[in-house]
Structures are given as C-alpha cells and as structure tokens.
Amino acid sequence: MKENYLSDKELETEGKTIKVMVELYCRDHHDCQSPPCAECCELIEYAIARIKQCPLKEQRTTCGKCEIHCYKPAMKKQIKEVMRYAGPRMLKAHPLLTAKHILKGMKKK
C-alpha cells in the first residue's frame, strides 16, 4: 500500500479546503497585503502534513470528529479558531468545497 493513502484528488481537495479556510481567516484577521501571511502558510503546511500522515487511512473522516489527537496543542488551537471563523463563511465563498466537506463529515467511521 502507498504511504500516502489518499488519492491525489482527495488530497488536493482537502488541501484546497484548508487553504481556502485559512486564507479567509487571514484576510480578515491579519494585516498582510496578500493572504496567507507567513504564520498562516505554516498552519496550512502543518494541516496538510497531518492529513497525509493520518493513521486512520481509508476510514478517515473530518478532523473535528476524530478521537486521535495528532495536532500539537498550539496548532490545534489555531486551526480551531480558523475553522470557527471560516466555516460559516465557506458556504458563500466556496459552496462546492463546503458541500464536499460536509458530506465527508457525515461519513461513518
């Protein structure tokens, strides 16, 4: 089995969702010319690395429903803040990505 268990398309979609959410947050909370700022870029890279290394493999659902705590506490706090802010705004900004994310969240473990 491949080490990166997600298909390229799944990884691309999840990465794009994370990136869009962080950019929405960064645009409205950080004073930078073109989001994402360096701090937010680090968060995007970290989140995508966590997705790639997820031990649940094919049974993976959204991180919010996961019982495994693979994020460092500081990064977990940061991504939760981003998701609380960007989540409700995603439906208007990116309805298709939002629908895919919601459907994945409804997936049973």
N, C-alpha and C. Protein backbone atom coordinates (compact mmCIF):
# COMPACT_ATOMS: atom_id res chain seq x y z
N MET A 1 0.84 -1.19 0.00
CA MET A 1 0.00 0.00 0.00
C MET A 1 0.88 1.25 0.00
N LYS A 2 0.42 2.26 -0.67
CA LYS A 2 1.16 3.51 -0.73
C LYS A 2 1.21 4.15 0.66
N GLU A 3 2.30 4.85 0.96
CA GLU A 3 2.41 5.56 2.23
C GLU A 3 1.39 6.69 2.30
N ASN A 4 1.21 7.40 1.20
CA ASN A 4 0.19 8.45 1.15
C ASN A 4 -1.10 7.78 0.69
N TYR A 5 -1.97 7.44 1.64
CA TYR A 5 -3.16 6.64 1.38
C TYR A 5 -4.25 7.40 0.64
N LEU A 6 -4.25 8.72 0.69
CA LEU A 6 -5.27 9.49 -0.02
C LEU A 6 -4.92 9.58 -1.49
N SER A 7 -5.94 9.53 -2.33
CA SER A 7 -5.68 9.73 -3.75
C SER A 7 -5.22 11.17 -3.94
N ASP A 8 -4.58 11.42 -5.05
CA ASP A 8 -4.12 12.78 -5.33
C ASP A 8 -5.30 13.75 -5.35
N LYS A 9 -6.42 13.30 -5.89
CA LYS A 9 -7.61 14.15 -5.97
C LYS A 9 -8.16 14.47 -4.57
N GLU A 10 -8.22 13.45 -3.69
CA GLU A 10 -8.71 13.67 -2.32
C GLU A 10 -7.78 14.61 -1.56
N LEU A 11 -6.50 14.39 -1.70
CA LEU A 11 -5.52 15.23 -1.02
C LEU A 11 -5.60 16.66 -1.54
N GLU A 12 -5.76 16.80 -2.85
CA GLU A 12 -5.88 18.13 -3.45
C GLU A 12 -7.13 18.85 -2.92
N THR A 13 -8.24 18.13 -2.84
CA THR A 13 -9.49 18.73 -2.35
C THR A 13 -9.37 19.14 -0.89
N GLU A 14 -8.84 18.25 -0.05
CA GLU A 14 -8.69 18.58 1.37
C GLU A 14 -7.70 19.71 1.57
N GLY A 15 -6.62 19.68 0.82
CA GLY A 15 -5.63 20.76 0.91
C GLY A 15 -6.22 22.09 0.48
N LYS A 16 -7.01 22.06 -0.59
CA LYS A 16 -7.64 23.29 -1.07
C LYS A 16 -8.62 23.83 -0.04
N THR A 17 -9.38 22.94 0.59
CA THR A 17 -10.35 23.36 1.61
C THR A 17 -9.63 24.03 2.78
N ILE A 18 -8.57 23.42 3.26
CA ILE A 18 -7.79 24.00 4.36
C ILE A 18 -7.24 25.36 3.94
N LYS A 19 -6.65 25.41 2.75
CA LYS A 19 -6.03 26.65 2.27
C LYS A 19 -7.06 27.77 2.17
N VAL A 20 -8.23 27.48 1.62
CA VAL A 20 -9.27 28.50 1.46
C VAL A 20 -9.74 28.99 2.83
N MET A 21 -9.93 28.07 3.76
CA MET A 21 -10.39 28.47 5.10
C MET A 21 -9.37 29.36 5.79
N VAL A 22 -8.10 28.98 5.71
CA VAL A 22 -7.05 29.77 6.35
C VAL A 22 -6.94 31.13 5.67
N GLU A 23 -7.05 31.17 4.35
CA GLU A 23 -6.98 32.46 3.64
C GLU A 23 -8.14 33.38 4.01
N LEU A 24 -9.34 32.83 4.16
CA LEU A 24 -10.48 33.64 4.61
C LEU A 24 -10.21 34.25 5.98
N TYR A 25 -9.70 33.43 6.86
CA TYR A 25 -9.38 33.89 8.21
C TYR A 25 -8.27 34.94 8.18
N CYS A 26 -7.22 34.65 7.45
CA CYS A 26 -6.05 35.53 7.38
C CYS A 26 -6.42 36.90 6.81
N ARG A 27 -7.20 36.88 5.75
CA ARG A 27 -7.62 38.13 5.10
C ARG A 27 -8.32 39.07 6.08
N ASP A 28 -9.14 38.51 6.97
CA ASP A 28 -9.93 39.32 7.88
C ASP A 28 -9.29 39.56 9.25
N HIS A 29 -8.22 38.83 9.57
CA HIS A 29 -7.61 38.95 10.90
C HIS A 29 -6.16 39.42 10.91
N HIS A 30 -5.46 39.29 9.82
CA HIS A 30 -4.04 39.66 9.80
C HIS A 30 -3.81 40.81 8.81
N ASP A 31 -2.90 41.65 9.14
CA ASP A 31 -2.59 42.80 8.30
C ASP A 31 -1.51 42.42 7.29
N CYS A 32 -1.94 41.83 6.18
CA CYS A 32 -0.98 41.45 5.14
C CYS A 32 -1.54 41.83 3.78
N GLN A 33 -0.66 42.08 2.86
CA GLN A 33 -1.06 42.53 1.52
C GLN A 33 -1.78 41.44 0.73
N SER A 34 -1.25 40.24 0.78
CA SER A 34 -1.88 39.14 0.04
C SER A 34 -1.85 37.87 0.90
N PRO A 35 -3.00 37.51 1.45
CA PRO A 35 -3.05 36.32 2.30
C PRO A 35 -2.70 35.08 1.50
N PRO A 36 -2.15 34.08 2.12
CA PRO A 36 -1.89 33.96 3.54
C PRO A 36 -0.53 34.54 3.95
N CYS A 37 -0.47 35.00 5.18
CA CYS A 37 0.78 35.50 5.75
C CYS A 37 1.68 34.31 6.10
N ALA A 38 2.88 34.57 6.57
CA ALA A 38 3.83 33.51 6.88
C ALA A 38 3.29 32.56 7.95
N GLU A 39 2.67 33.12 8.98
CA GLU A 39 2.11 32.30 10.07
C GLU A 39 1.01 31.38 9.53
N CYS A 40 0.17 31.92 8.68
CA CYS A 40 -0.92 31.12 8.11
C CYS A 40 -0.41 30.09 7.10
N CYS A 41 0.64 30.42 6.37
CA CYS A 41 1.26 29.44 5.46
C CYS A 41 1.77 28.25 6.25
N GLU A 42 2.37 28.53 7.40
CA GLU A 42 2.87 27.47 8.27
C GLU A 42 1.71 26.57 8.74
N LEU A 43 0.59 27.19 9.09
CA LEU A 43 -0.58 26.42 9.52
C LEU A 43 -1.11 25.55 8.39
N ILE A 44 -1.17 26.08 7.19
CA ILE A 44 -1.64 25.30 6.03
C ILE A 44 -0.73 24.09 5.81
N GLU A 45 0.57 24.31 5.80
CA GLU A 45 1.53 23.23 5.59
C GLU A 45 1.41 22.17 6.69
N TYR A 46 1.27 22.62 7.92
CA TYR A 46 1.14 21.70 9.05
C TYR A 46 -0.13 20.86 8.92
N ALA A 47 -1.25 21.50 8.61
CA ALA A 47 -2.53 20.79 8.49
C ALA A 47 -2.48 19.76 7.37
N ILE A 48 -1.90 20.11 6.25
CA ILE A 48 -1.80 19.17 5.13
C ILE A 48 -0.88 18.01 5.49
N ALA A 49 0.19 18.29 6.21
CA ALA A 49 1.10 17.22 6.65
C ALA A 49 0.37 16.26 7.59
N ARG A 50 -0.47 16.78 8.47
CA ARG A 50 -1.26 15.94 9.39
C ARG A 50 -2.23 15.06 8.60
N ILE A 51 -2.86 15.62 7.59
CA ILE A 51 -3.79 14.85 6.76
C ILE A 51 -3.04 13.70 6.07
N LYS A 52 -1.88 14.00 5.52
CA LYS A 52 -1.09 12.97 4.83
C LYS A 52 -0.67 11.85 5.76
N GLN A 53 -0.43 12.17 7.04
CA GLN A 53 0.06 11.18 7.99
C GLN A 53 -1.04 10.56 8.85
N CYS A 54 -2.29 10.81 8.55
CA CYS A 54 -3.41 10.32 9.36
C CYS A 54 -3.36 8.80 9.49
N PRO A 55 -3.37 8.28 10.73
CA PRO A 55 -3.30 6.83 10.93
C PRO A 55 -4.60 6.09 10.59
N LEU A 56 -5.69 6.79 10.39
CA LEU A 56 -6.97 6.13 10.11
C LEU A 56 -7.12 5.69 8.66
N LYS A 57 -6.21 6.12 7.83
CA LYS A 57 -6.17 5.74 6.42
C LYS A 57 -7.53 5.92 5.74
N GLU A 58 -8.08 4.85 5.16
CA GLU A 58 -9.31 4.95 4.39
C GLU A 58 -10.54 5.29 5.23
N GLN A 59 -10.50 5.04 6.54
CA GLN A 59 -11.64 5.32 7.41
C GLN A 59 -11.67 6.77 7.88
N ARG A 60 -10.76 7.57 7.39
CA ARG A 60 -10.63 8.94 7.84
C ARG A 60 -11.90 9.75 7.57
N THR A 61 -12.31 10.50 8.59
CA THR A 61 -13.41 11.44 8.45
C THR A 61 -12.82 12.84 8.63
N THR A 62 -13.60 13.81 9.03
CA THR A 62 -13.04 15.14 9.27
C THR A 62 -12.29 15.14 10.60
N CYS A 63 -11.31 16.00 10.73
CA CYS A 63 -10.50 16.06 11.94
C CYS A 63 -11.35 16.41 13.17
N GLY A 64 -12.39 17.19 12.98
CA GLY A 64 -13.25 17.58 14.10
C GLY A 64 -13.96 16.42 14.75
N LYS A 65 -14.15 15.33 14.03
CA LYS A 65 -14.82 14.15 14.57
C LYS A 65 -13.83 13.09 15.06
N CYS A 66 -12.57 13.34 14.89
CA CYS A 66 -11.55 12.35 15.19
C CYS A 66 -11.27 12.26 16.69
N GLU A 67 -11.03 11.03 17.17
CA GLU A 67 -10.70 10.82 18.57
C GLU A 67 -9.19 10.82 18.80
N ILE A 68 -8.43 10.77 17.74
CA ILE A 68 -6.97 10.80 17.84
C ILE A 68 -6.54 12.26 17.83
N HIS A 69 -5.63 12.61 18.72
CA HIS A 69 -5.18 14.00 18.81
C HIS A 69 -3.77 14.11 18.23
N CYS A 70 -3.69 14.33 16.93
CA CYS A 70 -2.38 14.35 16.27
C CYS A 70 -1.81 15.76 16.11
N TYR A 71 -2.62 16.78 16.38
CA TYR A 71 -2.14 18.17 16.29
C TYR A 71 -1.44 18.56 17.58
N LYS A 72 -0.38 19.33 17.45
CA LYS A 72 0.24 19.94 18.63
C LYS A 72 -0.79 20.89 19.23
N PRO A 73 -0.81 21.06 20.56
CA PRO A 73 -1.84 21.90 21.19
C PRO A 73 -1.95 23.31 20.60
N ALA A 74 -0.83 23.96 20.33
CA ALA A 74 -0.88 25.33 19.79
C ALA A 74 -1.48 25.35 18.39
N MET A 75 -1.12 24.38 17.57
CA MET A 75 -1.65 24.31 16.21
C MET A 75 -3.13 23.93 16.23
N LYS A 76 -3.50 23.05 17.16
CA LYS A 76 -4.91 22.66 17.29
C LYS A 76 -5.76 23.88 17.65
N LYS A 77 -5.27 24.68 18.57
CA LYS A 77 -5.99 25.89 18.98
C LYS A 77 -6.14 26.83 17.78
N GLN A 78 -5.06 26.98 17.03
CA GLN A 78 -5.05 27.89 15.88
C GLN A 78 -6.01 27.41 14.78
N ILE A 79 -5.99 26.11 14.46
CA ILE A 79 -6.85 25.61 13.39
C ILE A 79 -8.32 25.64 13.81
N LYS A 80 -8.59 25.42 15.09
CA LYS A 80 -9.97 25.51 15.58
C LYS A 80 -10.50 26.93 15.44
N GLU A 81 -9.66 27.90 15.76
CA GLU A 81 -10.04 29.31 15.63
C GLU A 81 -10.35 29.64 14.17
N VAL A 82 -9.49 29.17 13.29
CA VAL A 82 -9.68 29.40 11.85
C VAL A 82 -10.99 28.77 11.39
N MET A 83 -11.23 27.53 11.78
CA MET A 83 -12.42 26.82 11.32
C MET A 83 -13.71 27.41 11.89
N ARG A 84 -13.66 27.86 13.13
CA ARG A 84 -14.84 28.51 13.71
C ARG A 84 -15.20 29.77 12.94
N TYR A 85 -14.19 30.49 12.52
CA TYR A 85 -14.43 31.73 11.78
C TYR A 85 -14.80 31.44 10.32
N ALA A 86 -13.99 30.64 9.66
CA ALA A 86 -14.14 30.45 8.22
C ALA A 86 -15.27 29.48 7.84
N GLY A 87 -15.57 28.54 8.71
CA GLY A 87 -16.59 27.54 8.40
C GLY A 87 -17.90 28.13 7.91
N PRO A 88 -18.52 29.02 8.69
CA PRO A 88 -19.78 29.61 8.23
C PRO A 88 -19.65 30.44 6.96
N ARG A 89 -18.50 30.99 6.71
CA ARG A 89 -18.28 31.84 5.53
C ARG A 89 -17.97 31.03 4.28
N MET A 90 -17.61 29.78 4.46
CA MET A 90 -17.26 28.92 3.33
C MET A 90 -18.45 28.67 2.41
N LEU A 91 -19.63 28.56 2.97
CA LEU A 91 -20.81 28.27 2.15
C LEU A 91 -21.02 29.34 1.08
N LYS A 92 -20.79 30.58 1.44
CA LYS A 92 -20.94 31.67 0.47
C LYS A 92 -19.72 31.77 -0.45
N ALA A 93 -18.53 31.63 0.11
CA ALA A 93 -17.30 31.81 -0.66
C ALA A 93 -17.01 30.63 -1.59
N HIS A 94 -17.25 29.41 -1.12
CA HIS A 94 -16.92 28.20 -1.88
C HIS A 94 -17.95 27.11 -1.59
N PRO A 95 -19.14 27.21 -2.17
CA PRO A 95 -20.21 26.26 -1.85
C PRO A 95 -19.89 24.80 -2.18
N LEU A 96 -19.19 24.54 -3.28
CA LEU A 96 -18.88 23.16 -3.65
C LEU A 96 -17.91 22.52 -2.66
N LEU A 97 -16.86 23.24 -2.31
CA LEU A 97 -15.92 22.71 -1.31
C LEU A 97 -16.63 22.47 0.02
N THR A 98 -17.52 23.37 0.38
CA THR A 98 -18.26 23.24 1.63
C THR A 98 -19.13 21.99 1.61
N ALA A 99 -19.82 21.76 0.51
CA ALA A 99 -20.67 20.58 0.39
C ALA A 99 -19.85 19.30 0.50
N LYS A 100 -18.70 19.26 -0.16
CA LYS A 100 -17.83 18.08 -0.09
C LYS A 100 -17.37 17.84 1.34
N HIS A 101 -17.00 18.92 2.04
CA HIS A 101 -16.52 18.80 3.42
C HIS A 101 -17.64 18.30 4.33
N ILE A 102 -18.85 18.82 4.16
CA ILE A 102 -19.99 18.39 4.98
C ILE A 102 -20.30 16.92 4.73
N LEU A 103 -20.29 16.51 3.47
CA LEU A 103 -20.56 15.10 3.15
C LEU A 103 -19.50 14.19 3.74
N LYS A 104 -18.25 14.60 3.69
CA LYS A 104 -17.17 13.80 4.28
C LYS A 104 -17.37 13.69 5.79
N GLY A 105 -17.82 14.78 6.42
CA GLY A 105 -18.08 14.78 7.85
C GLY A 105 -19.21 13.86 8.25
N MET A 106 -20.13 13.60 7.34
CA MET A 106 -21.26 12.71 7.61
C MET A 106 -20.88 11.24 7.44
N LYS A 107 -19.72 11.01 6.84
CA LYS A 107 -19.25 9.65 6.58
C LYS A 107 -19.03 8.93 7.91
N LYS A 108 -19.47 7.68 7.98
CA LYS A 108 -19.30 6.90 9.20
C LYS A 108 -17.87 6.41 9.30
N LYS A 109 -17.42 6.25 10.53
CA LYS A 109 -16.07 5.72 10.76
C LYS A 109 -16.04 4.24 10.49
